[in-house]
Amino acid sequence: MEDTVEAIVNQQRETERAVLGGQKVHIRVQQRKGKKFVTTVQGLNQKLNFRRINREFQRRWGCNGTVISTPDAGTVIQLQGNWSENIKQFLLDEHMATENNLEIHSL
């Protein structure tokens, strides 16, 4: 019984390491004009389905968002509003990032 539990835990850790890729995930909040904010997420593993993640963000928090691909920054998710704490919690809950590789650049 303990062997199967240990095997499942090891498999989960390997999957998390593969998804994380050992790179930093940057969550940035930028203020536009007035009280408007834009939140960007950069550094997620390129194997993830960014359109699906963006759609989930939009559904959960009722905001507009887009996926942008650039040669120097890679794929970036951009959301309207200040959603940095919500995104952080989502990434931790879904095992797409850890506390160690998350960086929040906020105002």
PDB file of N, CA and C in Angstrom:
ATOM      1  N   MET A   1       0.823  -1.194   0.000  1.00  0.00           N
ATOM      2  CA  MET A   1       0.000   0.000   0.000  1.00  0.00           C
ATOM      3  C   MET A   1       0.869   1.261   0.000  1.00  0.00           C
ATOM      4  N   GLU A   2       1.897   1.282   0.863  1.00  0.00           N
ATOM      5  CA  GLU A   2       2.759   2.462   0.937  1.00  0.00           C
ATOM      6  C   GLU A   2       3.568   2.629  -0.333  1.00  0.00           C
ATOM      7  N   ASP A   3       3.900   1.508  -0.993  1.00  0.00           N
ATOM      8  CA  ASP A   3       4.658   1.601  -2.237  1.00  0.00           C
ATOM      9  C   ASP A   3       3.847   2.323  -3.308  1.00  0.00           C
ATOM     10  N   THR A   4       2.564   2.040  -3.384  1.00  0.00           N
ATOM     11  CA  THR A   4       1.744   2.694  -4.402  1.00  0.00           C
ATOM     12  C   THR A   4       1.567   4.179  -4.101  1.00  0.00           C
ATOM     13  N   VAL A   5       1.388   4.530  -2.839  1.00  0.00           N
ATOM     14  CA  VAL A   5       1.256   5.941  -2.465  1.00  0.00           C
ATOM     15  C   VAL A   5       2.552   6.678  -2.776  1.00  0.00           C
ATOM     16  N   GLU A   6       3.668   6.072  -2.435  1.00  0.00           N
ATOM     17  CA  GLU A   6       4.969   6.688  -2.707  1.00  0.00           C
ATOM     18  C   GLU A   6       5.203   6.820  -4.207  1.00  0.00           C
ATOM     19  N   ALA A   7       4.798   5.820  -4.972  1.00  0.00           N
ATOM     20  CA  ALA A   7       4.954   5.876  -6.427  1.00  0.00           C
ATOM     21  C   ALA A   7       4.103   6.998  -7.019  1.00  0.00           C
ATOM     22  N   ILE A   8       2.896   7.161  -6.509  1.00  0.00           N
ATOM     23  CA  ILE A   8       2.016   8.226  -6.996  1.00  0.00           C
ATOM     24  C   ILE A   8       2.605   9.597  -6.666  1.00  0.00           C
ATOM     25  N   VAL A   9       3.127   9.752  -5.461  1.00  0.00           N
ATOM     26  CA  VAL A   9       3.731  11.029  -5.060  1.00  0.00           C
ATOM     27  C   VAL A   9       4.949  11.333  -5.925  1.00  0.00           C
ATOM     28  N   ASN A  10       5.785  10.336  -6.173  1.00  0.00           N
ATOM     29  CA  ASN A  10       6.962  10.537  -7.027  1.00  0.00           C
ATOM     30  C   ASN A  10       6.557  10.909  -8.449  1.00  0.00           C
ATOM     31  N   GLN A  11       5.530  10.263  -8.960  1.00  0.00           N
ATOM     32  CA  GLN A  11       5.052  10.571 -10.307  1.00  0.00           C
ATOM     33  C   GLN A  11       4.513  12.001 -10.370  1.00  0.00           C
ATOM     34  N   GLN A  12       3.804  12.428  -9.329  1.00  0.00           N
ATOM     35  CA  GLN A  12       3.288  13.797  -9.272  1.00  0.00           C
ATOM     36  C   GLN A  12       4.435  14.803  -9.261  1.00  0.00           C
ATOM     37  N   ARG A  13       5.484  14.530  -8.494  1.00  0.00           N
ATOM     38  CA  ARG A  13       6.639  15.440  -8.438  1.00  0.00           C
ATOM     39  C   ARG A  13       7.337  15.532  -9.786  1.00  0.00           C
ATOM     40  N   GLU A  14       7.492  14.405 -10.463  1.00  0.00           N
ATOM     41  CA  GLU A  14       8.127  14.416 -11.786  1.00  0.00           C
ATOM     42  C   GLU A  14       7.292  15.215 -12.781  1.00  0.00           C
ATOM     43  N   THR A  15       5.982  15.056 -12.718  1.00  0.00           N
ATOM     44  CA  THR A  15       5.098  15.809 -13.607  1.00  0.00           C
ATOM     45  C   THR A  15       5.208  17.306 -13.336  1.00  0.00           C
ATOM     46  N   GLU A  16       5.239  17.681 -12.058  1.00  0.00           N
ATOM     47  CA  GLU A  16       5.372  19.098 -11.707  1.00  0.00           C
ATOM     48  C   GLU A  16       6.695  19.663 -12.209  1.00  0.00           C
ATOM     49  N   ARG A  17       7.787  18.928 -12.043  1.00  0.00           N
ATOM     50  CA  ARG A  17       9.092  19.396 -12.528  1.00  0.00           C
ATOM     51  C   ARG A  17       9.073  19.584 -14.034  1.00  0.00           C
ATOM     52  N   ALA A  18       8.411  18.678 -14.745  1.00  0.00           N
ATOM     53  CA  ALA A  18       8.344  18.782 -16.205  1.00  0.00           C
ATOM     54  C   ALA A  18       7.540  20.013 -16.625  1.00  0.00           C
ATOM     55  N   VAL A  19       6.439  20.282 -15.934  1.00  0.00           N
ATOM     56  CA  VAL A  19       5.608  21.435 -16.280  1.00  0.00           C
ATOM     57  C   VAL A  19       6.320  22.738 -15.935  1.00  0.00           C
ATOM     58  N   LEU A  20       7.000  22.778 -14.796  1.00  0.00           N
ATOM     59  CA  LEU A  20       7.656  24.007 -14.366  1.00  0.00           C
ATOM     60  C   LEU A  20       8.836  24.365 -15.251  1.00  0.00           C
ATOM     61  N   GLY A  21       9.641  23.398 -15.615  1.00  0.00           N
ATOM     62  CA  GLY A  21      10.780  23.676 -16.477  1.00  0.00           C
ATOM     63  C   GLY A  21      11.878  24.464 -15.794  1.00  0.00           C
ATOM     64  N   GLY A  22      11.785  24.738 -14.507  1.00  0.00           N
ATOM     65  CA  GLY A  22      12.835  25.411 -13.771  1.00  0.00           C
ATOM     66  C   GLY A  22      13.015  26.881 -14.097  1.00  0.00           C
ATOM     67  N   GLN A  23      12.059  27.515 -14.739  1.00  0.00           N
ATOM     68  CA  GLN A  23      12.211  28.922 -15.095  1.00  0.00           C
ATOM     69  C   GLN A  23      11.309  29.787 -14.221  1.00  0.00           C
ATOM     70  N   LYS A  24      11.641  31.054 -14.151  1.00  0.00           N
ATOM     71  CA  LYS A  24      10.862  32.006 -13.361  1.00  0.00           C
ATOM     72  C   LYS A  24       9.586  32.393 -14.107  1.00  0.00           C
ATOM     73  N   VAL A  25       8.500  32.507 -13.357  1.00  0.00           N
ATOM     74  CA  VAL A  25       7.231  32.989 -13.894  1.00  0.00           C
ATOM     75  C   VAL A  25       7.034  34.400 -13.353  1.00  0.00           C
ATOM     76  N   HIS A  26       6.902  35.361 -14.254  1.00  0.00           N
ATOM     77  CA  HIS A  26       6.773  36.766 -13.870  1.00  0.00           C
ATOM     78  C   HIS A  26       5.327  37.216 -14.046  1.00  0.00           C
ATOM     79  N   ILE A  27       4.772  37.786 -12.981  1.00  0.00           N
ATOM     80  CA  ILE A  27       3.444  38.391 -13.023  1.00  0.00           C
ATOM     81  C   ILE A  27       3.656  39.888 -12.828  1.00  0.00           C
ATOM     82  N   ARG A  28       3.293  40.665 -13.829  1.00  0.00           N
ATOM     83  CA  ARG A  28       3.521  42.113 -13.779  1.00  0.00           C
ATOM     84  C   ARG A  28       2.190  42.860 -13.824  1.00  0.00           C
ATOM     85  N   VAL A  29       2.099  43.911 -13.015  1.00  0.00           N
ATOM     86  CA  VAL A  29       0.931  44.785 -13.023  1.00  0.00           C
ATOM     87  C   VAL A  29       1.404  46.168 -13.453  1.00  0.00           C
ATOM     88  N   GLN A  30       0.782  46.685 -14.499  1.00  0.00           N
ATOM     89  CA  GLN A  30       1.137  48.009 -15.012  1.00  0.00           C
ATOM     90  C   GLN A  30      -0.107  48.883 -14.974  1.00  0.00           C
ATOM     91  N   GLN A  31       0.077  50.123 -14.541  1.00  0.00           N
ATOM     92  CA  GLN A  31      -1.048  51.046 -14.501  1.00  0.00           C
ATOM     93  C   GLN A  31      -1.129  51.798 -15.816  1.00  0.00           C
ATOM     94  N   ARG A  32      -2.308  51.793 -16.391  1.00  0.00           N
ATOM     95  CA  ARG A  32      -2.556  52.580 -17.599  1.00  0.00           C
ATOM     96  C   ARG A  32      -3.070  53.941 -17.168  1.00  0.00           C
ATOM     97  N   LYS A  33      -3.971  54.510 -17.892  1.00  0.00           N
ATOM     98  CA  LYS A  33      -4.473  55.830 -17.511  1.00  0.00           C
ATOM     99  C   LYS A  33      -5.536  55.715 -16.422  1.00  0.00           C
ATOM    100  N   GLY A  34      -5.486  56.636 -15.480  1.00  0.00           N
ATOM    101  CA  GLY A  34      -6.474  56.658 -14.410  1.00  0.00           C
ATOM    102  C   GLY A  34      -6.353  55.462 -13.488  1.00  0.00           C
ATOM    103  N   LYS A  35      -7.473  54.769 -13.298  1.00  0.00           N
ATOM    104  CA  LYS A  35      -7.509  53.616 -12.401  1.00  0.00           C
ATOM    105  C   LYS A  35      -7.441  52.294 -13.149  1.00  0.00           C
ATOM    106  N   LYS A  36      -7.012  52.315 -14.385  1.00  0.00           N
ATOM    107  CA  LYS A  36      -6.973  51.106 -15.211  1.00  0.00           C
ATOM    108  C   LYS A  36      -5.633  50.387 -15.034  1.00  0.00           C
ATOM    109  N   PHE A  37      -5.687  49.041 -14.968  1.00  0.00           N
ATOM    110  CA  PHE A  37      -4.487  48.229 -14.820  1.00  0.00           C
ATOM    111  C   PHE A  37      -4.454  47.144 -15.884  1.00  0.00           C
ATOM    112  N   VAL A  38      -3.244  46.669 -16.185  1.00  0.00           N
ATOM    113  CA  VAL A  38      -3.038  45.530 -17.072  1.00  0.00           C
ATOM    114  C   VAL A  38      -2.112  44.563 -16.344  1.00  0.00           C
ATOM    115  N   THR A  39      -2.496  43.285 -16.280  1.00  0.00           N
ATOM    116  CA  THR A  39      -1.683  42.253 -15.651  1.00  0.00           C
ATOM    117  C   THR A  39      -1.156  41.327 -16.732  1.00  0.00           C
ATOM    118  N   THR A  40       0.158  41.058 -16.716  1.00  0.00           N
ATOM    119  CA  THR A  40       0.758  40.148 -17.688  1.00  0.00           C
ATOM    120  C   THR A  40       1.412  38.983 -16.956  1.00  0.00           C
ATOM    121  N   VAL A  41       1.338  37.808 -17.573  1.00  0.00           N
ATOM    122  CA  VAL A  41       1.965  36.595 -17.051  1.00  0.00           C
ATOM    123  C   VAL A  41       2.946  36.109 -18.102  1.00  0.00           C
ATOM    124  N   GLN A  42       4.208  35.971 -17.705  1.00  0.00           N
ATOM    125  CA  GLN A  42       5.267  35.599 -18.635  1.00  0.00           C
ATOM    126  C   GLN A  42       6.140  34.531 -17.989  1.00  0.00           C
ATOM    127  N   GLY A  43       6.631  33.600 -18.798  1.00  0.00           N
ATOM    128  CA  GLY A  43       7.569  32.601 -18.306  1.00  0.00           C
ATOM    129  C   GLY A  43       6.964  31.240 -18.031  1.00  0.00           C
ATOM    130  N   LEU A  44       5.690  31.048 -18.369  1.00  0.00           N
ATOM    131  CA  LEU A  44       5.084  29.724 -18.202  1.00  0.00           C
ATOM    132  C   LEU A  44       5.683  28.756 -19.218  1.00  0.00           C
ATOM    133  N   ASN A  45       5.603  27.483 -18.904  1.00  0.00           N
ATOM    134  CA  ASN A  45       6.121  26.453 -19.804  1.00  0.00           C
ATOM    135  C   ASN A  45       5.431  26.557 -21.164  1.00  0.00           C
ATOM    136  N   GLN A  46       6.211  26.525 -22.227  1.00  0.00           N
ATOM    137  CA  GLN A  46       5.681  26.702 -23.582  1.00  0.00           C
ATOM    138  C   GLN A  46       4.806  25.530 -24.037  1.00  0.00           C
ATOM    139  N   LYS A  47       4.836  24.414 -23.321  1.00  0.00           N
ATOM    140  CA  LYS A  47       4.022  23.256 -23.696  1.00  0.00           C
ATOM    141  C   LYS A  47       2.571  23.393 -23.225  1.00  0.00           C
ATOM    142  N   LEU A  48       2.299  24.377 -22.378  1.00  0.00           N
ATOM    143  CA  LEU A  48       0.941  24.575 -21.877  1.00  0.00           C
ATOM    144  C   LEU A  48       0.050  25.175 -22.958  1.00  0.00           C
ATOM    145  N   ASN A  49      -1.246  24.972 -22.812  1.00  0.00           N
ATOM    146  CA  ASN A  49      -2.228  25.532 -23.740  1.00  0.00           C
ATOM    147  C   ASN A  49      -2.628  26.925 -23.229  1.00  0.00           C
ATOM    148  N   PHE A  50      -1.981  27.959 -23.766  1.00  0.00           N
ATOM    149  CA  PHE A  50      -2.175  29.319 -23.279  1.00  0.00           C
ATOM    150  C   PHE A  50      -3.584  29.830 -23.551  1.00  0.00           C
ATOM    151  N   ARG A  51      -4.152  29.465 -24.675  1.00  0.00           N
ATOM    152  CA  ARG A  51      -5.515  29.922 -24.986  1.00  0.00           C
ATOM    153  C   ARG A  51      -6.511  29.381 -23.964  1.00  0.00           C
ATOM    154  N   ARG A  52      -6.312  28.141 -23.553  1.00  0.00           N
ATOM    155  CA  ARG A  52      -7.215  27.536 -22.577  1.00  0.00           C
ATOM    156  C   ARG A  52      -7.055  28.190 -21.196  1.00  0.00           C
ATOM    157  N   ILE A  53      -5.800  28.465 -20.810  1.00  0.00           N
ATOM    158  CA  ILE A  53      -5.547  29.134 -19.533  1.00  0.00           C
ATOM    159  C   ILE A  53      -6.164  30.531 -19.547  1.00  0.00           C
ATOM    160  N   ASN A  54      -5.981  31.250 -20.648  1.00  0.00           N
ATOM    161  CA  ASN A  54      -6.551  32.593 -20.783  1.00  0.00           C
ATOM    162  C   ASN A  54      -8.074  32.548 -20.680  1.00  0.00           C
ATOM    163  N   ARG A  55      -8.681  31.582 -21.327  1.00  0.00           N
ATOM    164  CA  ARG A  55     -10.136  31.434 -21.278  1.00  0.00           C
ATOM    165  C   ARG A  55     -10.604  31.165 -19.844  1.00  0.00           C
ATOM    166  N   GLU A  56      -9.838  30.355 -19.102  1.00  0.00           N
ATOM    167  CA  GLU A  56     -10.187  30.066 -17.709  1.00  0.00           C
ATOM    168  C   GLU A  56     -10.080  31.330 -16.848  1.00  0.00           C
ATOM    169  N   PHE A  57      -9.030  32.132 -17.064  1.00  0.00           N
ATOM    170  CA  PHE A  57      -8.902  33.400 -16.341  1.00  0.00           C
ATOM    171  C   PHE A  57     -10.107  34.295 -16.620  1.00  0.00           C
ATOM    172  N   GLN A  58     -10.483  34.403 -17.879  1.00  0.00           N
ATOM    173  CA  GLN A  58     -11.611  35.253 -18.260  1.00  0.00           C
ATOM    174  C   GLN A  58     -12.906  34.762 -17.618  1.00  0.00           C
ATOM    175  N   ARG A  59     -13.105  33.463 -17.608  1.00  0.00           N
ATOM    176  CA  ARG A  59     -14.326  32.894 -17.046  1.00  0.00           C
ATOM    177  C   ARG A  59     -14.387  33.100 -15.530  1.00  0.00           C
ATOM    178  N   ARG A  60     -13.269  32.871 -14.838  1.00  0.00           N
ATOM    179  CA  ARG A  60     -13.260  32.974 -13.380  1.00  0.00           C
ATOM    180  C   ARG A  60     -13.458  34.391 -12.874  1.00  0.00           C
ATOM    181  N   TRP A  61     -12.787  35.356 -13.520  1.00  0.00           N
ATOM    182  CA  TRP A  61     -12.749  36.701 -12.962  1.00  0.00           C
ATOM    183  C   TRP A  61     -13.484  37.729 -13.805  1.00  0.00           C
ATOM    184  N   GLY A  62     -14.117  37.325 -14.876  1.00  0.00           N
ATOM    185  CA  GLY A  62     -14.912  38.241 -15.680  1.00  0.00           C
ATOM    186  C   GLY A  62     -14.123  39.389 -16.271  1.00  0.00           C
ATOM    187  N   CYS A  63     -12.932  39.086 -16.751  1.00  0.00           N
ATOM    188  CA  CYS A  63     -12.099  40.130 -17.347  1.00  0.00           C
ATOM    189  C   CYS A  63     -11.788  39.761 -18.793  1.00  0.00           C
ATOM    190  N   ASN A  64     -11.313  40.731 -19.544  1.00  0.00           N
ATOM    191  CA  ASN A  64     -10.892  40.473 -20.913  1.00  0.00           C
ATOM    192  C   ASN A  64      -9.406  40.139 -20.905  1.00  0.00           C
ATOM    193  N   GLY A  65      -8.975  39.295 -21.831  1.00  0.00           N
ATOM    194  CA  GLY A  65      -7.567  38.930 -21.899  1.00  0.00           C
ATOM    195  C   GLY A  65      -7.181  38.488 -23.290  1.00  0.00           C
ATOM    196  N   THR A  66      -5.877  38.433 -23.518  1.00  0.00           N
ATOM    197  CA  THR A  66      -5.363  38.012 -24.813  1.00  0.00           C
ATOM    198  C   THR A  66      -4.039  37.286 -24.623  1.00  0.00           C
ATOM    199  N   VAL A  67      -3.680  36.477 -25.616  1.00  0.00           N
ATOM    200  CA  VAL A  67      -2.404  35.768 -25.617  1.00  0.00           C
ATOM    201  C   VAL A  67      -1.538  36.390 -26.697  1.00  0.00           C
ATOM    202  N   ILE A  68      -0.340  36.819 -26.311  1.00  0.00           N
ATOM    203  CA  ILE A  68       0.579  37.483 -27.228  1.00  0.00           C
ATOM    204  C   ILE A  68       1.849  36.650 -27.332  1.00  0.00           C
ATOM    205  N   SER A  69       2.317  36.421 -28.559  1.00  0.00           N
ATOM    206  CA  SER A  69       3.577  35.708 -28.776  1.00  0.00           C
ATOM    207  C   SER A  69       4.602  36.670 -29.355  1.00  0.00           C
ATOM    208  N   THR A  70       5.743  36.787 -28.665  1.00  0.00           N
ATOM    209  CA  THR A  70       6.830  37.631 -29.143  1.00  0.00           C
ATOM    210  C   THR A  70       8.111  36.816 -29.166  1.00  0.00           C
ATOM    211  N   PRO A  71       9.026  37.112 -30.075  1.00  0.00           N
ATOM    212  CA  PRO A  71      10.262  36.334 -30.147  1.00  0.00           C
ATOM    213  C   PRO A  71      11.144  36.483 -28.909  1.00  0.00           C
ATOM    214  N   ASP A  72      11.190  37.672 -28.318  1.00  0.00           N
ATOM    215  CA  ASP A  72      12.084  37.864 -27.181  1.00  0.00           C
ATOM    216  C   ASP A  72      11.459  37.471 -25.844  1.00  0.00           C
ATOM    217  N   ALA A  73      10.163  37.680 -25.646  1.00  0.00           N
ATOM    218  CA  ALA A  73       9.511  37.391 -24.369  1.00  0.00           C
ATOM    219  C   ALA A  73       8.787  36.051 -24.365  1.00  0.00           C
ATOM    220  N   GLY A  74       8.638  35.412 -25.500  1.00  0.00           N
ATOM    221  CA  GLY A  74       7.892  34.161 -25.568  1.00  0.00           C
ATOM    222  C   GLY A  74       6.403  34.438 -25.599  1.00  0.00           C
ATOM    223  N   THR A  75       5.630  33.540 -25.015  1.00  0.00           N
ATOM    224  CA  THR A  75       4.181  33.702 -24.987  1.00  0.00           C
ATOM    225  C   THR A  75       3.776  34.382 -23.686  1.00  0.00           C
ATOM    226  N   VAL A  76       2.974  35.425 -23.802  1.00  0.00           N
ATOM    227  CA  VAL A  76       2.560  36.233 -22.655  1.00  0.00           C
ATOM    228  C   VAL A  76       1.040  36.284 -22.623  1.00  0.00           C
ATOM    229  N   ILE A  77       0.466  36.108 -21.428  1.00  0.00           N
ATOM    230  CA  ILE A  77      -0.971  36.285 -21.237  1.00  0.00           C
ATOM    231  C   ILE A  77      -1.175  37.675 -20.652  1.00  0.00           C
ATOM    232  N   GLN A  78      -2.064  38.445 -21.263  1.00  0.00           N
ATOM    233  CA  GLN A  78      -2.318  39.817 -20.832  1.00  0.00           C
ATOM    234  C   GLN A  78      -3.789  39.940 -20.440  1.00  0.00           C
ATOM    235  N   LEU A  79      -4.051  40.423 -19.219  1.00  0.00           N
ATOM    236  CA  LEU A  79      -5.414  40.559 -18.699  1.00  0.00           C
ATOM    237  C   LEU A  79      -5.692  42.000 -18.309  1.00  0.00           C
ATOM    238  N   GLN A  80      -6.932  42.425 -18.486  1.00  0.00           N
ATOM    239  CA  GLN A  80      -7.333  43.759 -18.050  1.00  0.00           C
ATOM    240  C   GLN A  80      -7.687  43.709 -16.571  1.00  0.00           C
ATOM    241  N   GLY A  81      -7.079  44.584 -15.799  1.00  0.00           N
ATOM    242  CA  GLY A  81      -7.328  44.639 -14.362  1.00  0.00           C
ATOM    243  C   GLY A  81      -6.133  44.139 -13.574  1.00  0.00           C
ATOM    244  N   ASN A  82      -6.168  44.351 -12.263  1.00  0.00           N
ATOM    245  CA  ASN A  82      -5.101  43.903 -11.373  1.00  0.00           C
ATOM    246  C   ASN A  82      -5.489  42.543 -10.793  1.00  0.00           C
ATOM    247  N   TRP A  83      -4.997  41.471 -11.386  1.00  0.00           N
ATOM    248  CA  TRP A  83      -5.340  40.107 -10.996  1.00  0.00           C
ATOM    249  C   TRP A  83      -4.126  39.347 -10.487  1.00  0.00           C
ATOM    250  N   SER A  84      -3.105  40.027  -9.992  1.00  0.00           N
ATOM    251  CA  SER A  84      -1.844  39.375  -9.635  1.00  0.00           C
ATOM    252  C   SER A  84      -2.020  38.308  -8.552  1.00  0.00           C
ATOM    253  N   GLU A  85      -2.749  38.615  -7.490  1.00  0.00           N
ATOM    254  CA  GLU A  85      -2.924  37.641  -6.405  1.00  0.00           C
ATOM    255  C   GLU A  85      -3.777  36.456  -6.857  1.00  0.00           C
ATOM    256  N   ASN A  86      -4.802  36.714  -7.658  1.00  0.00           N
ATOM    257  CA  ASN A  86      -5.646  35.628  -8.166  1.00  0.00           C
ATOM    258  C   ASN A  86      -4.840  34.698  -9.069  1.00  0.00           C
ATOM    259  N   ILE A  87      -4.014  35.279  -9.940  1.00  0.00           N
ATOM    260  CA  ILE A  87      -3.199  34.477 -10.852  1.00  0.00           C
ATOM    261  C   ILE A  87      -2.192  33.655 -10.066  1.00  0.00           C
ATOM    262  N   LYS A  88      -1.579  34.271  -9.070  1.00  0.00           N
ATOM    263  CA  LYS A  88      -0.611  33.550  -8.234  1.00  0.00           C
ATOM    264  C   LYS A  88      -1.269  32.329  -7.603  1.00  0.00           C
ATOM    265  N   GLN A  89      -2.438  32.519  -6.999  1.00  0.00           N
ATOM    266  CA  GLN A  89      -3.132  31.408  -6.343  1.00  0.00           C
ATOM    267  C   GLN A  89      -3.533  30.336  -7.352  1.00  0.00           C
ATOM    268  N   PHE A  90      -3.989  30.738  -8.528  1.00  0.00           N
ATOM    269  CA  PHE A  90      -4.368  29.784  -9.572  1.00  0.00           C
ATOM    270  C   PHE A  90      -3.169  28.939  -9.992  1.00  0.00           C
ATOM    271  N   LEU A  91      -2.026  29.585 -10.245  1.00  0.00           N
ATOM    272  CA  LEU A  91      -0.837  28.859 -10.690  1.00  0.00           C
ATOM    273  C   LEU A  91      -0.341  27.898  -9.619  1.00  0.00           C
ATOM    274  N   LEU A  92      -0.430  28.292  -8.354  1.00  0.00           N
ATOM    275  CA  LEU A  92      -0.017  27.405  -7.269  1.00  0.00           C
ATOM    276  C   LEU A  92      -0.988  26.235  -7.120  1.00  0.00           C
ATOM    277  N   ASP A  93      -2.284  26.508  -7.202  1.00  0.00           N
ATOM    278  CA  ASP A  93      -3.292  25.452  -7.058  1.00  0.00           C
ATOM    279  C   ASP A  93      -3.213  24.429  -8.184  1.00  0.00           C
ATOM    280  N   GLU A  94      -2.922  24.885  -9.397  1.00  0.00           N
ATOM    281  CA  GLU A  94      -2.871  24.000 -10.562  1.00  0.00           C
ATOM    282  C   GLU A  94      -1.472  23.433 -10.810  1.00  0.00           C
ATOM    283  N   HIS A  95      -0.547  23.690  -9.896  1.00  0.00           N
ATOM    284  CA  HIS A  95       0.834  23.176  -9.983  1.00  0.00           C
ATOM    285  C   HIS A  95       1.536  23.613 -11.264  1.00  0.00           C
ATOM    286  N   MET A  96       1.277  24.832 -11.709  1.00  0.00           N
ATOM    287  CA  MET A  96       1.971  25.395 -12.866  1.00  0.00           C
ATOM    288  C   MET A  96       3.173  26.215 -12.430  1.00  0.00           C
ATOM    289  N   ALA A  97       3.274  26.472 -11.122  1.00  0.00           N
ATOM    290  CA  ALA A  97       4.398  27.228 -10.575  1.00  0.00           C
ATOM    291  C   ALA A  97       4.524  26.898  -9.090  1.00  0.00           C
ATOM    292  N   THR A  98       5.680  27.216  -8.528  1.00  0.00           N
ATOM    293  CA  THR A  98       5.894  27.077  -7.089  1.00  0.00           C
ATOM    294  C   THR A  98       6.199  28.460  -6.520  1.00  0.00           C
ATOM    295  N   GLU A  99       6.186  28.559  -5.202  1.00  0.00           N
ATOM    296  CA  GLU A  99       6.508  29.834  -4.552  1.00  0.00           C
ATOM    297  C   GLU A  99       7.907  30.305  -4.942  1.00  0.00           C
ATOM    298  N   ASN A 100       8.827  29.353  -5.131  1.00  0.00           N
ATOM    299  CA  ASN A 100      10.222  29.700  -5.425  1.00  0.00           C
ATOM    300  C   ASN A 100      10.403  30.303  -6.805  1.00  0.00           C
ATOM    301  N   ASN A 101       9.608  29.880  -7.779  1.00  0.00           N
ATOM    302  CA  ASN A 101       9.838  30.390  -9.131  1.00  0.00           C
ATOM    303  C   ASN A 101       8.787  31.407  -9.580  1.00  0.00           C
ATOM    304  N   LEU A 102       8.012  31.938  -8.630  1.00  0.00           N
ATOM    305  CA  LEU A 102       7.035  32.991  -8.936  1.00  0.00           C
ATOM    306  C   LEU A 102       7.590  34.346  -8.515  1.00  0.00           C
ATOM    307  N   GLU A 103       7.486  35.322  -9.397  1.00  0.00           N
ATOM    308  CA  GLU A 103       7.876  36.694  -9.066  1.00  0.00           C
ATOM    309  C   GLU A 103       6.736  37.625  -9.444  1.00  0.00           C
ATOM    310  N   ILE A 104       6.295  38.424  -8.470  1.00  0.00           N
ATOM    311  CA  ILE A 104       5.236  39.391  -8.734  1.00  0.00           C
ATOM    312  C   ILE A 104       5.855  40.780  -8.736  1.00  0.00           C
ATOM    313  N   HIS A 105       5.701  41.472  -9.851  1.00  0.00           N
ATOM    314  CA  HIS A 105       6.173  42.850  -9.987  1.00  0.00           C
ATOM    315  C   HIS A 105       4.927  43.724  -9.961  1.00  0.00           C
ATOM    316  N   SER A 106       4.689  44.368  -8.824  1.00  0.00           N
ATOM    317  CA  SER A 106       3.458  45.124  -8.656  1.00  0.00           C
ATOM    318  C   SER A 106       3.775  46.565  -8.300  1.00  0.00           C
ATOM    319  N   LEU A 107       2.741  47.371  -8.263  1.00  0.00           N
ATOM    320  CA  LEU A 107       2.904  48.787  -7.931  1.00  0.00           C
ATOM    321  C   LEU A 107       3.123  48.986  -6.459  1.00  0.00           C
TER     322      LEU A 107
END
